[in-house]
Amino acid sequence: MNKMDFIAHNADETQQIALKVAQQLHAGDVILLQGELGAGKTTFTKGIARGLGIKRNVKSPTFTLIREYTEGRLPLYHMDVYRLEDTGAADLGLEEYFDGDGVSIVEWPQFAAEDLPAEYLTISFAKNDFHDNERTLTFEAHGSRYVELLNSLKKAE
């Protein structure tokens, strides 16, 4: 399975979905989050952090570009590369994070497209036009590791 959808009716459900994902994560996993401002990307990341056992408050890395949380089962590297739209990500050394011992979550990945690994999981967030708090999360696997992850999530449903 390369693609699957989840419906989250509110922020708590978004975090519950993320908790399930966190249970399946391994060192070196890369998750790309796509969606407009306020779609739930950072809320989802907070759920991943909780699922990894990270106690610190997770904040959007908009102005710092990368926030590192190292006290969980796996380190979490939360990246927001939106501000690199004009300059690119070449100087950030993203590959060191992607090839490292933690989980990398990248918001606005289109602004670092040339620096992304060959395999990753994309999660797209879409707001519901009729229900303000409802989101559709579309998971798309790029590579065998992430097909395996989606299959594990399907079995856990």
C-alpha atoms as a PDB file:
ATOM      1  CA  MET A   1       0.000   0.000   0.000  1.00  0.00           C
ATOM      2  CA  ASN A   2       1.442   3.346  -1.045  1.00  0.00           C
ATOM      3  CA  LYS A   3      -1.297   5.693   0.124  1.00  0.00           C
ATOM      4  CA  MET A   4      -3.903   5.973   2.877  1.00  0.00           C
ATOM      5  CA  ASP A   5      -6.123   8.628   4.415  1.00  0.00           C
ATOM      6  CA  PHE A   6      -7.047   9.426   7.995  1.00  0.00           C
ATOM      7  CA  ILE A   7      -9.767  11.824   9.118  1.00  0.00           C
ATOM      8  CA  ALA A   8      -9.090  13.877  12.265  1.00  0.00           C
ATOM      9  CA  HIS A   9     -12.093  15.744  13.653  1.00  0.00           C
ATOM     10  CA  ASN A  10      -9.993  17.906  15.979  1.00  0.00           C
ATOM     11  CA  ALA A  11      -6.439  18.550  17.206  1.00  0.00           C
ATOM     12  CA  ASP A  12      -6.616  15.697  19.740  1.00  0.00           C
ATOM     13  CA  GLU A  13      -7.422  13.197  16.994  1.00  0.00           C
ATOM     14  CA  THR A  14      -4.558  14.576  14.904  1.00  0.00           C
ATOM     15  CA  GLN A  15      -2.215  13.871  17.822  1.00  0.00           C
ATOM     16  CA  GLN A  16      -3.702  10.385  18.303  1.00  0.00           C
ATOM     17  CA  ILE A  17      -2.915   9.537  14.685  1.00  0.00           C
ATOM     18  CA  ALA A  18       0.614  10.849  15.223  1.00  0.00           C
ATOM     19  CA  LEU A  19       1.013   8.675  18.340  1.00  0.00           C
ATOM     20  CA  LYS A  20       0.259   5.590  16.232  1.00  0.00           C
ATOM     21  CA  VAL A  21       2.826   6.688  13.660  1.00  0.00           C
ATOM     22  CA  ALA A  22       5.449   7.328  16.366  1.00  0.00           C
ATOM     23  CA  GLN A  23       5.186   3.709  17.533  1.00  0.00           C
ATOM     24  CA  GLN A  24       6.333   2.579  14.078  1.00  0.00           C
ATOM     25  CA  LEU A  25       9.262   4.978  13.647  1.00  0.00           C
ATOM     26  CA  HIS A  26      12.928   4.016  13.363  1.00  0.00           C
ATOM     27  CA  ALA A  27      16.190   5.946  13.336  1.00  0.00           C
ATOM     28  CA  GLY A  28      16.676   7.668   9.994  1.00  0.00           C
ATOM     29  CA  ASP A  29      12.976   7.973   9.174  1.00  0.00           C
ATOM     30  CA  VAL A  30      11.973  11.135   7.321  1.00  0.00           C
ATOM     31  CA  ILE A  31       8.445  12.553   7.305  1.00  0.00           C
ATOM     32  CA  LEU A  32       7.488  15.469   5.061  1.00  0.00           C
ATOM     33  CA  LEU A  33       4.478  17.533   6.149  1.00  0.00           C
ATOM     34  CA  GLN A  34       2.532  19.499   3.550  1.00  0.00           C
ATOM     35  CA  GLY A  35      -0.405  21.828   4.072  1.00  0.00           C
ATOM     36  CA  GLU A  36      -1.326  25.454   4.412  1.00  0.00           C
ATOM     37  CA  LEU A  37      -0.705  27.532   7.525  1.00  0.00           C
ATOM     38  CA  GLY A  38      -2.826  26.288  10.405  1.00  0.00           C
ATOM     39  CA  ALA A  39      -3.506  22.903   8.803  1.00  0.00           C
ATOM     40  CA  GLY A  40      -2.132  20.900  11.748  1.00  0.00           C
ATOM     41  CA  LYS A  41       1.494  20.178  10.868  1.00  0.00           C
ATOM     42  CA  THR A  42       2.945  21.293  14.204  1.00  0.00           C
ATOM     43  CA  THR A  43       0.041  19.675  16.088  1.00  0.00           C
ATOM     44  CA  PHE A  44       0.916  16.401  14.362  1.00  0.00           C
ATOM     45  CA  THR A  45       4.580  16.837  15.277  1.00  0.00           C
ATOM     46  CA  LYS A  46       3.592  17.325  18.927  1.00  0.00           C
ATOM     47  CA  GLY A  47       1.877  13.935  18.781  1.00  0.00           C
ATOM     48  CA  ILE A  48       4.976  12.322  17.273  1.00  0.00           C
ATOM     49  CA  ALA A  49       7.077  13.835  20.063  1.00  0.00           C
ATOM     50  CA  ARG A  50       4.712  12.490  22.724  1.00  0.00           C
ATOM     51  CA  GLY A  51       4.812   9.070  21.082  1.00  0.00           C
ATOM     52  CA  LEU A  52       8.613   9.121  21.184  1.00  0.00           C
ATOM     53  CA  GLY A  53       8.560   9.974  24.902  1.00  0.00           C
ATOM     54  CA  ILE A  54       9.632  13.598  24.504  1.00  0.00           C
ATOM     55  CA  LYS A  55       8.330  15.673  27.404  1.00  0.00           C
ATOM     56  CA  ARG A  56       9.421  19.150  26.257  1.00  0.00           C
ATOM     57  CA  ASN A  57       6.917  21.465  24.655  1.00  0.00           C
ATOM     58  CA  VAL A  58       7.205  21.225  20.873  1.00  0.00           C
ATOM     59  CA  LYS A  59       7.120  24.582  19.112  1.00  0.00           C
ATOM     60  CA  SER A  60       7.116  25.475  15.464  1.00  0.00           C
ATOM     61  CA  PRO A  61      10.692  25.956  14.228  1.00  0.00           C
ATOM     62  CA  THR A  62       9.672  28.767  11.872  1.00  0.00           C
ATOM     63  CA  PHE A  63      12.309  31.233  13.068  1.00  0.00           C
ATOM     64  CA  THR A  64      14.991  28.745  14.128  1.00  0.00           C
ATOM     65  CA  LEU A  65      14.614  26.434  11.084  1.00  0.00           C
ATOM     66  CA  ILE A  66      15.491  23.294  13.101  1.00  0.00           C
ATOM     67  CA  ARG A  67      14.503  22.310  16.635  1.00  0.00           C
ATOM     68  CA  GLU A  68      16.149  19.266  18.183  1.00  0.00           C
ATOM     69  CA  TYR A  69      14.479  17.142  20.861  1.00  0.00           C
ATOM     70  CA  THR A  70      16.892  14.467  22.046  1.00  0.00           C
ATOM     71  CA  GLU A  71      15.401  13.084  25.257  1.00  0.00           C
ATOM     72  CA  GLY A  72      12.979  10.508  23.761  1.00  0.00           C
ATOM     73  CA  ARG A  73      13.197   6.936  22.480  1.00  0.00           C
ATOM     74  CA  LEU A  74      14.637   8.491  19.318  1.00  0.00           C
ATOM     75  CA  PRO A  75      15.822  12.059  18.763  1.00  0.00           C
ATOM     76  CA  LEU A  76      13.341  14.228  16.884  1.00  0.00           C
ATOM     77  CA  TYR A  77      14.529  16.839  14.407  1.00  0.00           C
ATOM     78  CA  HIS A  78      11.686  19.224  13.554  1.00  0.00           C
ATOM     79  CA  MET A  79      12.447  21.431  10.560  1.00  0.00           C
ATOM     80  CA  ASP A  80      10.545  24.275   8.959  1.00  0.00           C
ATOM     81  CA  VAL A  81      12.235  25.233   5.714  1.00  0.00           C
ATOM     82  CA  TYR A  82       9.615  27.757   4.556  1.00  0.00           C
ATOM     83  CA  ARG A  83      12.031  30.654   5.002  1.00  0.00           C
ATOM     84  CA  LEU A  84      14.480  28.990   2.600  1.00  0.00           C
ATOM     85  CA  GLU A  85      12.208  29.626  -0.375  1.00  0.00           C
ATOM     86  CA  ASP A  86      14.676  32.064  -1.916  1.00  0.00           C
ATOM     87  CA  THR A  87      18.002  30.803  -0.564  1.00  0.00           C
ATOM     88  CA  GLY A  88      17.794  26.996  -0.583  1.00  0.00           C
ATOM     89  CA  ALA A  89      18.817  24.507   2.081  1.00  0.00           C
ATOM     90  CA  ALA A  90      22.290  23.532   0.903  1.00  0.00           C
ATOM     91  CA  ASP A  91      24.109  25.104   3.874  1.00  0.00           C
ATOM     92  CA  LEU A  92      21.941  23.498   6.579  1.00  0.00           C
ATOM     93  CA  GLY A  93      23.470  20.024   6.319  1.00  0.00           C
ATOM     94  CA  LEU A  94      20.063  18.347   6.215  1.00  0.00           C
ATOM     95  CA  GLU A  95      21.548  15.056   5.025  1.00  0.00           C
ATOM     96  CA  GLU A  96      23.304  14.704   8.393  1.00  0.00           C
ATOM     97  CA  TYR A  97      19.897  14.750  10.069  1.00  0.00           C
ATOM     98  CA  PHE A  98      18.296  12.471   7.479  1.00  0.00           C
ATOM     99  CA  ASP A  99      21.095   9.908   7.777  1.00  0.00           C
ATOM    100  CA  GLY A 100      21.358  10.266  11.561  1.00  0.00           C
ATOM    101  CA  ASP A 101      20.052   8.491  14.620  1.00  0.00           C
ATOM    102  CA  GLY A 102      16.706  10.261  14.870  1.00  0.00           C
ATOM    103  CA  VAL A 103      13.443  11.014  13.123  1.00  0.00           C
ATOM    104  CA  SER A 104      13.320  14.057  10.842  1.00  0.00           C
ATOM    105  CA  ILE A 105      10.076  15.932  10.267  1.00  0.00           C
ATOM    106  CA  VAL A 106      10.172  18.600   7.567  1.00  0.00           C
ATOM    107  CA  GLU A 107       7.479  21.247   7.158  1.00  0.00           C
ATOM    108  CA  TRP A 108       7.279  22.988   3.773  1.00  0.00           C
ATOM    109  CA  PRO A 109       9.554  20.373   2.108  1.00  0.00           C
ATOM    110  CA  GLN A 110       9.124  21.867  -1.357  1.00  0.00           C
ATOM    111  CA  PHE A 111      11.642  24.536  -0.356  1.00  0.00           C
ATOM    112  CA  ALA A 112      14.333  21.908   0.244  1.00  0.00           C
ATOM    113  CA  ALA A 113      13.386  19.509  -2.562  1.00  0.00           C
ATOM    114  CA  GLU A 114      16.939  19.128  -3.868  1.00  0.00           C
ATOM    115  CA  ASP A 115      18.220  18.114  -0.429  1.00  0.00           C
ATOM    116  CA  LEU A 116      15.591  15.496   0.445  1.00  0.00           C
ATOM    117  CA  PRO A 117      16.445  11.793   0.634  1.00  0.00           C
ATOM    118  CA  ALA A 118      15.201   9.322  -1.983  1.00  0.00           C
ATOM    119  CA  GLU A 119      12.804   7.625   0.460  1.00  0.00           C
ATOM    120  CA  TYR A 120      10.363   9.338   2.841  1.00  0.00           C
ATOM    121  CA  LEU A 121       6.768   9.499   4.023  1.00  0.00           C
ATOM    122  CA  THR A 122       4.677  12.459   2.884  1.00  0.00           C
ATOM    123  CA  ILE A 123       1.670  13.525   4.939  1.00  0.00           C
ATOM    124  CA  SER A 124      -0.595  16.128   3.357  1.00  0.00           C
ATOM    125  CA  PHE A 125      -3.050  18.042   5.545  1.00  0.00           C
ATOM    126  CA  ALA A 126      -6.287  19.327   4.017  1.00  0.00           C
ATOM    127  CA  LYS A 127      -8.872  21.374   5.893  1.00  0.00           C
ATOM    128  CA  ASN A 128     -12.539  20.479   5.560  1.00  0.00           C
ATOM    129  CA  ASP A 129     -14.520  23.347   4.030  1.00  0.00           C
ATOM    130  CA  PHE A 130     -17.583  22.573   6.161  1.00  0.00           C
ATOM    131  CA  HIS A 131     -16.020  21.660   9.521  1.00  0.00           C
ATOM    132  CA  ASP A 132     -13.324  24.078  10.736  1.00  0.00           C
ATOM    133  CA  ASN A 133     -11.465  21.603  12.962  1.00  0.00           C
ATOM    134  CA  GLU A 134     -11.632  18.568  10.669  1.00  0.00           C
ATOM    135  CA  ARG A 135      -8.604  17.546   8.619  1.00  0.00           C
ATOM    136  CA  THR A 136      -7.898  14.837   6.078  1.00  0.00           C
ATOM    137  CA  LEU A 137      -4.370  13.491   6.481  1.00  0.00           C
ATOM    138  CA  THR A 138      -3.167  11.750   3.328  1.00  0.00           C
ATOM    139  CA  PHE A 139      -0.156   9.502   3.868  1.00  0.00           C
ATOM    140  CA  GLU A 140       1.951   8.632   0.818  1.00  0.00           C
ATOM    141  CA  ALA A 141       4.884   6.217   0.984  1.00  0.00           C
ATOM    142  CA  HIS A 142       7.971   6.886  -1.129  1.00  0.00           C
ATOM    143  CA  GLY A 143      10.155   3.804  -0.788  1.00  0.00           C
ATOM    144  CA  SER A 144       9.839   0.315   0.676  1.00  0.00           C
ATOM    145  CA  ARG A 145      10.471   1.385   4.292  1.00  0.00           C
ATOM    146  CA  TYR A 146       7.439   3.660   4.195  1.00  0.00           C
ATOM    147  CA  VAL A 147       5.226   1.125   2.400  1.00  0.00           C
ATOM    148  CA  GLU A 148       6.051  -1.165   5.336  1.00  0.00           C
ATOM    149  CA  LEU A 149       5.159   1.622   7.785  1.00  0.00           C
ATOM    150  CA  LEU A 150       1.783   2.217   6.108  1.00  0.00           C
ATOM    151  CA  ASN A 151       1.041  -1.507   6.137  1.00  0.00           C
ATOM    152  CA  SER A 152       1.788  -1.585   9.875  1.00  0.00           C
ATOM    153  CA  LEU A 153      -0.536   1.378  10.440  1.00  0.00           C
ATOM    154  CA  LYS A 154      -3.279  -0.344   8.441  1.00  0.00           C
ATOM    155  CA  LYS A 155      -2.971  -3.482  10.607  1.00  0.00           C
ATOM    156  CA  ALA A 156      -3.121  -1.376  13.786  1.00  0.00           C
ATOM    157  CA  GLU A 157      -6.420   0.272  12.754  1.00  0.00           C
END
